[in-house]
Every structure is written in C-alpha cells, then in structure tokens.
Amino acid sequence: MSQSPPTMSMAVLKPAVGQSDDVVTIGVVLDIPQPHGDFLRACRADFGDPLAAEIPPHITLLPPTPVPEGEDQAIQDHLAAVAAVTAPFSVCLAGTGSFRPISPVVFVKLEDGAEHCADLQRLLRTGPLKRSLDFDYHPHVTVAHHLDDAAMDRAEETLRDYRAEFQVTGLNFYEHDGDGVWELRRRFTFRGPSATAES
C-alpha cells in the first residue's frame, strides 16, 4: 500500500496570497525532546537541509491553519481542554520512510504512539479548529525535505536503524509570523487521568 504524503511540514510557509491582516496561520505539534531533538536536527543539517536551522524536529498534529485573529482565546481554551483530557503517552521512533515520488520528504517513522497521535489530532480538529485534511494523517518526523535524490537517499539510509523512545507530555501551539518563522506561542501540558494519578 502506498503511503500518503505528509499533512504538514512546518517549513518556510507563508500565509495564503490575499490573506487578510486579521487572519493568522497557526500549527500544533509535538516537539521531539532532548537529546533526540538535537540529534535529528544535526542529522538534517548534515544532509544539507537548510530548514534544519529554522524548524525543530516535531510530529505535526494540526497542519498550518489560517484562523481569525479574534478567535485566539477560543482556540487556546480549546487546546487547554484537549490537553486536560489527554494523558501522557509513549512514542518510539524507529527507521525511515519516504513520501517520494509524491512528495520530496524523508522521515523517521513512529513504531509506537502513532494511534495516540491520530486520536489526538482528530480531537484537536473540532470546535474552533474544525477542518478537513488534504491527505490522510500520517504522523512522522521529517529529516530531509526538497533535497536532491542523493541527499534524500543518504538521509533514508543513515537513519534506517535509528531508534528513540520518549514520553510525550504536552502539545505546542505555534504561530507563523509571516516572515517564514514559526514562533512558539504556548505549551499545553497533558493532564489526563494517568497524569493526575501519577501527580
């Protein structure tokens, strides 16, 4: 079965042409914790991807989404409500995959945690963030994007045996500043049943 192209890349994205000044573009992701984040970012830079310096390694939950500026509080309340009912969960990154030739992306796969990510992104895309997706949701961590075939092949081979396990404890709310930069607005810590039981 062929894989679907990615639903989001926090890349050099710009608001849609003609987008109103009172509309902002947001995204919601799971950041990759240290030391794994620094390692994957260094790998991406070594493969020659200039976006390594601008985009921290992450798993997308909500693709870049234009929203009215006046909805900010409702959106933050929604994110807080989702985090309140979500328990921390484990993710295991293992091996690589690619969306080529549909999309020039090489990524690290999720061996464990993909179903949790899928459930979480469905919950996020309700209320003020209700939206459809252009492609099926496929959680992943991009490590090479829009490079030549040789660099993409090297990325896929270099990290083929890569493995990392960690706990996901919250989601991160980003806003696009219009100049190609994603800025972290706020982190929402998961406070679901198991989080309460452990505290």
C-alpha atoms as a PDB file:
ATOM      1  CA  MET A   1       0.000   0.000   0.000  1.00  0.00           C
ATOM      2  CA  SER A   2       1.410   3.400  -0.916  1.00  0.00           C
ATOM      3  CA  GLN A   3       1.844   5.942   1.840  1.00  0.00           C
ATOM      4  CA  SER A   4       0.040   9.256   1.834  1.00  0.00           C
ATOM      5  CA  PRO A   5       2.042  12.455   1.574  1.00  0.00           C
ATOM      6  CA  PRO A   6       2.569  14.442   4.769  1.00  0.00           C
ATOM      7  CA  THR A   7      -0.240  16.542   6.147  1.00  0.00           C
ATOM      8  CA  MET A   8       2.103  19.243   7.350  1.00  0.00           C
ATOM      9  CA  SER A   9       5.645  20.428   7.244  1.00  0.00           C
ATOM     10  CA  MET A  10       6.495  23.354   9.492  1.00  0.00           C
ATOM     11  CA  ALA A  11       8.623  24.644   6.647  1.00  0.00           C
ATOM     12  CA  VAL A  12       9.068  28.013   5.016  1.00  0.00           C
ATOM     13  CA  LEU A  13       5.349  28.578   4.764  1.00  0.00           C
ATOM     14  CA  LYS A  14       3.658  31.868   4.119  1.00  0.00           C
ATOM     15  CA  PRO A  15       0.050  32.918   4.610  1.00  0.00           C
ATOM     16  CA  ALA A  16      -2.140  32.484   1.572  1.00  0.00           C
ATOM     17  CA  VAL A  17      -1.976  35.185  -1.077  1.00  0.00           C
ATOM     18  CA  GLY A  18      -4.571  37.795  -0.290  1.00  0.00           C
ATOM     19  CA  GLN A  19      -4.926  36.634   3.307  1.00  0.00           C
ATOM     20  CA  SER A  20      -6.473  39.340   5.439  1.00  0.00           C
ATOM     21  CA  ASP A  21      -4.366  41.124   8.041  1.00  0.00           C
ATOM     22  CA  ASP A  22      -6.746  39.908  10.749  1.00  0.00           C
ATOM     23  CA  VAL A  23      -6.085  36.254   9.861  1.00  0.00           C
ATOM     24  CA  VAL A  24      -3.094  34.377  11.286  1.00  0.00           C
ATOM     25  CA  THR A  25      -1.671  30.955  10.455  1.00  0.00           C
ATOM     26  CA  ILE A  26      -1.204  28.525  13.331  1.00  0.00           C
ATOM     27  CA  GLY A  27       0.007  24.956  13.809  1.00  0.00           C
ATOM     28  CA  VAL A  28       0.047  22.449  16.665  1.00  0.00           C
ATOM     29  CA  VAL A  29       2.843  19.914  17.078  1.00  0.00           C
ATOM     30  CA  LEU A  30       4.549  17.516  19.446  1.00  0.00           C
ATOM     31  CA  ASP A  31       8.144  18.634  19.843  1.00  0.00           C
ATOM     32  CA  ILE A  32      10.819  15.922  19.992  1.00  0.00           C
ATOM     33  CA  PRO A  33      12.524  16.093  23.433  1.00  0.00           C
ATOM     34  CA  GLN A  34      16.263  16.212  24.054  1.00  0.00           C
ATOM     35  CA  PRO A  35      18.673  14.691  23.344  1.00  0.00           C
ATOM     36  CA  HIS A  36      16.712  13.222  20.412  1.00  0.00           C
ATOM     37  CA  GLY A  37      15.659  16.600  19.025  1.00  0.00           C
ATOM     38  CA  ASP A  38      19.220  17.938  18.812  1.00  0.00           C
ATOM     39  CA  PHE A  39      20.433  14.701  17.219  1.00  0.00           C
ATOM     40  CA  LEU A  40      17.754  14.704  14.491  1.00  0.00           C
ATOM     41  CA  ARG A  41      18.268  18.397  13.823  1.00  0.00           C
ATOM     42  CA  ALA A  42      22.031  17.866  13.439  1.00  0.00           C
ATOM     43  CA  CYS A  43      21.353  14.979  11.054  1.00  0.00           C
ATOM     44  CA  ARG A  44      19.010  17.113   8.978  1.00  0.00           C
ATOM     45  CA  ALA A  45      21.654  19.836   8.744  1.00  0.00           C
ATOM     46  CA  ASP A  46      24.296  17.259   7.758  1.00  0.00           C
ATOM     47  CA  PHE A  47      22.060  16.056   4.930  1.00  0.00           C
ATOM     48  CA  GLY A  48      22.166  19.622   3.609  1.00  0.00           C
ATOM     49  CA  ASP A  49      18.636  20.706   4.507  1.00  0.00           C
ATOM     50  CA  PRO A  50      18.664  24.473   5.290  1.00  0.00           C
ATOM     51  CA  LEU A  51      15.364  24.127   7.168  1.00  0.00           C
ATOM     52  CA  ALA A  52      17.228  22.326   9.966  1.00  0.00           C
ATOM     53  CA  ALA A  53      18.219  25.719  11.375  1.00  0.00           C
ATOM     54  CA  GLU A  54      14.651  27.040  11.322  1.00  0.00           C
ATOM     55  CA  ILE A  55      12.421  24.119  12.252  1.00  0.00           C
ATOM     56  CA  PRO A  56      12.854  21.954  15.357  1.00  0.00           C
ATOM     57  CA  PRO A  57      12.096  18.246  14.898  1.00  0.00           C
ATOM     58  CA  HIS A  58       8.408  17.611  15.545  1.00  0.00           C
ATOM     59  CA  ILE A  59       5.340  15.495  14.915  1.00  0.00           C
ATOM     60  CA  THR A  60       2.545  17.516  13.351  1.00  0.00           C
ATOM     61  CA  LEU A  61      -0.914  17.385  14.916  1.00  0.00           C
ATOM     62  CA  LEU A  62      -2.595  20.360  13.215  1.00  0.00           C
ATOM     63  CA  PRO A  63      -1.286  21.458   9.797  1.00  0.00           C
ATOM     64  CA  PRO A  64      -0.782  25.163   9.067  1.00  0.00           C
ATOM     65  CA  THR A  65      -4.275  26.558   9.509  1.00  0.00           C
ATOM     66  CA  PRO A  66      -5.483  30.142   8.857  1.00  0.00           C
ATOM     67  CA  VAL A  67      -7.712  31.408  11.680  1.00  0.00           C
ATOM     68  CA  PRO A  68      -9.270  34.798  12.514  1.00  0.00           C
ATOM     69  CA  GLU A  69      -7.149  36.751  14.979  1.00  0.00           C
ATOM     70  CA  GLY A  70     -10.229  37.273  17.143  1.00  0.00           C
ATOM     71  CA  GLU A  71     -10.533  33.519  17.729  1.00  0.00           C
ATOM     72  CA  ASP A  72      -7.262  33.336  19.667  1.00  0.00           C
ATOM     73  CA  GLN A  73      -8.810  32.929  23.123  1.00  0.00           C
ATOM     74  CA  ALA A  74     -11.331  30.349  21.936  1.00  0.00           C
ATOM     75  CA  ILE A  75      -8.522  28.389  20.285  1.00  0.00           C
ATOM     76  CA  GLN A  76      -6.330  28.484  23.386  1.00  0.00           C
ATOM     77  CA  ASP A  77      -9.294  27.403  25.524  1.00  0.00           C
ATOM     78  CA  HIS A  78      -9.876  24.528  23.101  1.00  0.00           C
ATOM     79  CA  LEU A  79      -6.221  23.450  23.246  1.00  0.00           C
ATOM     80  CA  ALA A  80      -6.298  23.598  27.040  1.00  0.00           C
ATOM     81  CA  ALA A  81      -9.451  21.468  27.107  1.00  0.00           C
ATOM     82  CA  VAL A  82      -7.879  18.868  24.798  1.00  0.00           C
ATOM     83  CA  ALA A  83      -4.720  18.759  26.927  1.00  0.00           C
ATOM     84  CA  ALA A  84      -6.842  18.375  30.077  1.00  0.00           C
ATOM     85  CA  VAL A  85      -8.327  15.083  28.858  1.00  0.00           C
ATOM     86  CA  THR A  86      -5.150  13.723  27.230  1.00  0.00           C
ATOM     87  CA  ALA A  87      -2.790  11.520  29.209  1.00  0.00           C
ATOM     88  CA  PRO A  88       0.955  11.399  28.516  1.00  0.00           C
ATOM     89  CA  PHE A  89       1.895   8.594  26.155  1.00  0.00           C
ATOM     90  CA  SER A  90       4.990   6.851  24.822  1.00  0.00           C
ATOM     91  CA  VAL A  91       6.443   7.306  21.362  1.00  0.00           C
ATOM     92  CA  CYS A  92       9.038   5.088  19.752  1.00  0.00           C
ATOM     93  CA  LEU A  93      10.761   6.401  16.635  1.00  0.00           C
ATOM     94  CA  ALA A  94      12.284   3.650  14.512  1.00  0.00           C
ATOM     95  CA  GLY A  95      13.683   3.582  10.998  1.00  0.00           C
ATOM     96  CA  THR A  96      12.954   5.744   7.994  1.00  0.00           C
ATOM     97  CA  GLY A  97      10.436   6.142   5.226  1.00  0.00           C
ATOM     98  CA  SER A  98       9.805   8.460   2.313  1.00  0.00           C
ATOM     99  CA  PHE A  99       6.861  10.084   0.572  1.00  0.00           C
ATOM    100  CA  ARG A 100       8.767  10.096  -2.732  1.00  0.00           C
ATOM    101  CA  PRO A 101       7.841  10.414  -5.560  1.00  0.00           C
ATOM    102  CA  ILE A 102       4.586  12.062  -4.406  1.00  0.00           C
ATOM    103  CA  SER A 103       6.390  14.484  -2.106  1.00  0.00           C
ATOM    104  CA  PRO A 104      10.163  15.047  -1.658  1.00  0.00           C
ATOM    105  CA  VAL A 105      10.297  14.100   2.019  1.00  0.00           C
ATOM    106  CA  VAL A 106      12.318  11.559   4.025  1.00  0.00           C
ATOM    107  CA  PHE A 107      11.138  10.966   7.568  1.00  0.00           C
ATOM    108  CA  VAL A 108      11.653   8.926  10.718  1.00  0.00           C
ATOM    109  CA  LYS A 109       8.729   6.583  11.360  1.00  0.00           C
ATOM    110  CA  LEU A 110       6.703   6.053  14.518  1.00  0.00           C
ATOM    111  CA  GLU A 111       6.828   2.427  15.636  1.00  0.00           C
ATOM    112  CA  ASP A 112       4.717   3.183  18.722  1.00  0.00           C
ATOM    113  CA  GLY A 113       2.500   6.146  19.512  1.00  0.00           C
ATOM    114  CA  ALA A 114       1.031   6.693  16.038  1.00  0.00           C
ATOM    115  CA  GLU A 115      -2.504   5.755  17.128  1.00  0.00           C
ATOM    116  CA  HIS A 116      -2.293   8.176  20.071  1.00  0.00           C
ATOM    117  CA  CYS A 117      -1.164  10.927  17.691  1.00  0.00           C
ATOM    118  CA  ALA A 118      -4.023  10.123  15.310  1.00  0.00           C
ATOM    119  CA  ASP A 119      -6.595  10.232  18.125  1.00  0.00           C
ATOM    120  CA  LEU A 120      -5.154  13.492  19.409  1.00  0.00           C
ATOM    121  CA  GLN A 121      -5.172  15.242  16.024  1.00  0.00           C
ATOM    122  CA  ARG A 122      -8.807  14.203  15.467  1.00  0.00           C
ATOM    123  CA  LEU A 123      -9.734  15.691  18.830  1.00  0.00           C
ATOM    124  CA  LEU A 124      -7.865  18.891  18.002  1.00  0.00           C
ATOM    125  CA  ARG A 125      -9.699  19.310  14.692  1.00  0.00           C
ATOM    126  CA  THR A 126     -13.019  20.026  16.407  1.00  0.00           C
ATOM    127  CA  GLY A 127     -14.669  23.193  17.698  1.00  0.00           C
ATOM    128  CA  PRO A 128     -12.817  26.352  16.605  1.00  0.00           C
ATOM    129  CA  LEU A 129     -10.184  24.233  14.817  1.00  0.00           C
ATOM    130  CA  LYS A 130     -12.587  22.092  12.817  1.00  0.00           C
ATOM    131  CA  ARG A 131     -11.095  21.481   9.383  1.00  0.00           C
ATOM    132  CA  SER A 132     -10.544  18.713   6.853  1.00  0.00           C
ATOM    133  CA  LEU A 133      -7.169  17.412   5.682  1.00  0.00           C
ATOM    134  CA  ASP A 134      -5.856  17.268   2.140  1.00  0.00           C
ATOM    135  CA  PHE A 135      -4.347  13.817   2.796  1.00  0.00           C
ATOM    136  CA  ASP A 136      -4.732  11.007   5.312  1.00  0.00           C
ATOM    137  CA  TYR A 137      -2.977  11.742   8.602  1.00  0.00           C
ATOM    138  CA  HIS A 138       0.437  10.060   8.817  1.00  0.00           C
ATOM    139  CA  PRO A 139       2.487  11.048  11.899  1.00  0.00           C
ATOM    140  CA  HIS A 140       6.221  11.283  11.192  1.00  0.00           C
ATOM    141  CA  VAL A 141       9.356  13.354  11.853  1.00  0.00           C
ATOM    142  CA  THR A 142      10.776  14.995   8.724  1.00  0.00           C
ATOM    143  CA  VAL A 143      14.578  14.728   8.390  1.00  0.00           C
ATOM    144  CA  ALA A 144      15.032  15.820   4.761  1.00  0.00           C
ATOM    145  CA  HIS A 145      12.861  17.981   2.536  1.00  0.00           C
ATOM    146  CA  HIS A 146      13.280  19.166  -1.068  1.00  0.00           C
ATOM    147  CA  LEU A 147      16.867  17.926  -1.442  1.00  0.00           C
ATOM    148  CA  ASP A 148      18.420  16.174  -4.426  1.00  0.00           C
ATOM    149  CA  ASP A 149      17.964  12.417  -4.750  1.00  0.00           C
ATOM    150  CA  ALA A 150      21.463  11.611  -3.498  1.00  0.00           C
ATOM    151  CA  ALA A 151      20.929  13.589  -0.284  1.00  0.00           C
ATOM    152  CA  MET A 152      17.482  12.087   0.227  1.00  0.00           C
ATOM    153  CA  ASP A 153      18.884   8.584  -0.286  1.00  0.00           C
ATOM    154  CA  ARG A 154      21.638   9.286   2.253  1.00  0.00           C
ATOM    155  CA  ALA A 155      19.115  10.543   4.804  1.00  0.00           C
ATOM    156  CA  GLU A 156      16.984   7.443   4.384  1.00  0.00           C
ATOM    157  CA  GLU A 157      19.975   5.105   4.688  1.00  0.00           C
ATOM    158  CA  THR A 158      21.785   6.928   7.530  1.00  0.00           C
ATOM    159  CA  LEU A 159      18.815   6.760   9.897  1.00  0.00           C
ATOM    160  CA  ARG A 160      17.495   3.370   8.767  1.00  0.00           C
ATOM    161  CA  ASP A 161      18.495   1.770  12.109  1.00  0.00           C
ATOM    162  CA  TYR A 162      17.732   4.831  14.246  1.00  0.00           C
ATOM    163  CA  ARG A 163      15.613   4.223  17.335  1.00  0.00           C
ATOM    164  CA  ALA A 164      14.491   6.521  20.159  1.00  0.00           C
ATOM    165  CA  GLU A 165      11.835   6.232  22.872  1.00  0.00           C
ATOM    166  CA  PHE A 166      10.358   9.037  24.953  1.00  0.00           C
ATOM    167  CA  GLN A 167       7.244  10.232  26.764  1.00  0.00           C
ATOM    168  CA  VAL A 168       5.043  12.882  25.195  1.00  0.00           C
ATOM    169  CA  THR A 169       3.764  15.158  27.951  1.00  0.00           C
ATOM    170  CA  GLY A 170       2.169  18.082  26.128  1.00  0.00           C
ATOM    171  CA  LEU A 171       1.395  19.822  22.850  1.00  0.00           C
ATOM    172  CA  ASN A 172       2.870  23.007  21.446  1.00  0.00           C
ATOM    173  CA  PHE A 173       0.942  25.863  19.845  1.00  0.00           C
ATOM    174  CA  TYR A 174       2.855  27.747  17.113  1.00  0.00           C
ATOM    175  CA  GLU A 175       2.024  30.856  15.112  1.00  0.00           C
ATOM    176  CA  HIS A 176       3.506  31.810  11.753  1.00  0.00           C
ATOM    177  CA  ASP A 177       4.921  35.343  11.842  1.00  0.00           C
ATOM    178  CA  GLY A 178       4.544  35.954   8.110  1.00  0.00           C
ATOM    179  CA  ASP A 179       8.302  36.013   7.508  1.00  0.00           C
ATOM    180  CA  GLY A 180       8.797  32.264   7.282  1.00  0.00           C
ATOM    181  CA  VAL A 181       9.299  31.749  11.014  1.00  0.00           C
ATOM    182  CA  TRP A 182       7.183  29.648  13.358  1.00  0.00           C
ATOM    183  CA  GLU A 183       7.084  31.075  16.889  1.00  0.00           C
ATOM    184  CA  LEU A 184       6.046  29.065  19.929  1.00  0.00           C
ATOM    185  CA  ARG A 185       3.026  30.737  21.494  1.00  0.00           C
ATOM    186  CA  ARG A 186       2.297  28.336  24.342  1.00  0.00           C
ATOM    187  CA  ARG A 187       2.812  24.791  25.594  1.00  0.00           C
ATOM    188  CA  PHE A 188      -0.166  22.850  26.954  1.00  0.00           C
ATOM    189  CA  THR A 189       0.736  20.069  29.401  1.00  0.00           C
ATOM    190  CA  PHE A 190      -1.315  16.880  29.276  1.00  0.00           C
ATOM    191  CA  ARG A 191      -3.441  16.425  32.406  1.00  0.00           C
ATOM    192  CA  GLY A 192      -5.467  13.327  31.562  1.00  0.00           C
ATOM    193  CA  PRO A 193      -6.355  10.536  34.023  1.00  0.00           C
ATOM    194  CA  SER A 194      -2.936   8.872  34.222  1.00  0.00           C
ATOM    195  CA  ALA A 195      -1.206  12.250  34.629  1.00  0.00           C
ATOM    196  CA  THR A 196      -3.474  13.038  37.589  1.00  0.00           C
ATOM    197  CA  ALA A 197      -2.919   9.605  39.114  1.00  0.00           C
ATOM    198  CA  GLU A 198       0.862   9.998  38.945  1.00  0.00           C
ATOM    199  CA  SER A 199       0.984  13.508  40.417  1.00  0.00           C
END
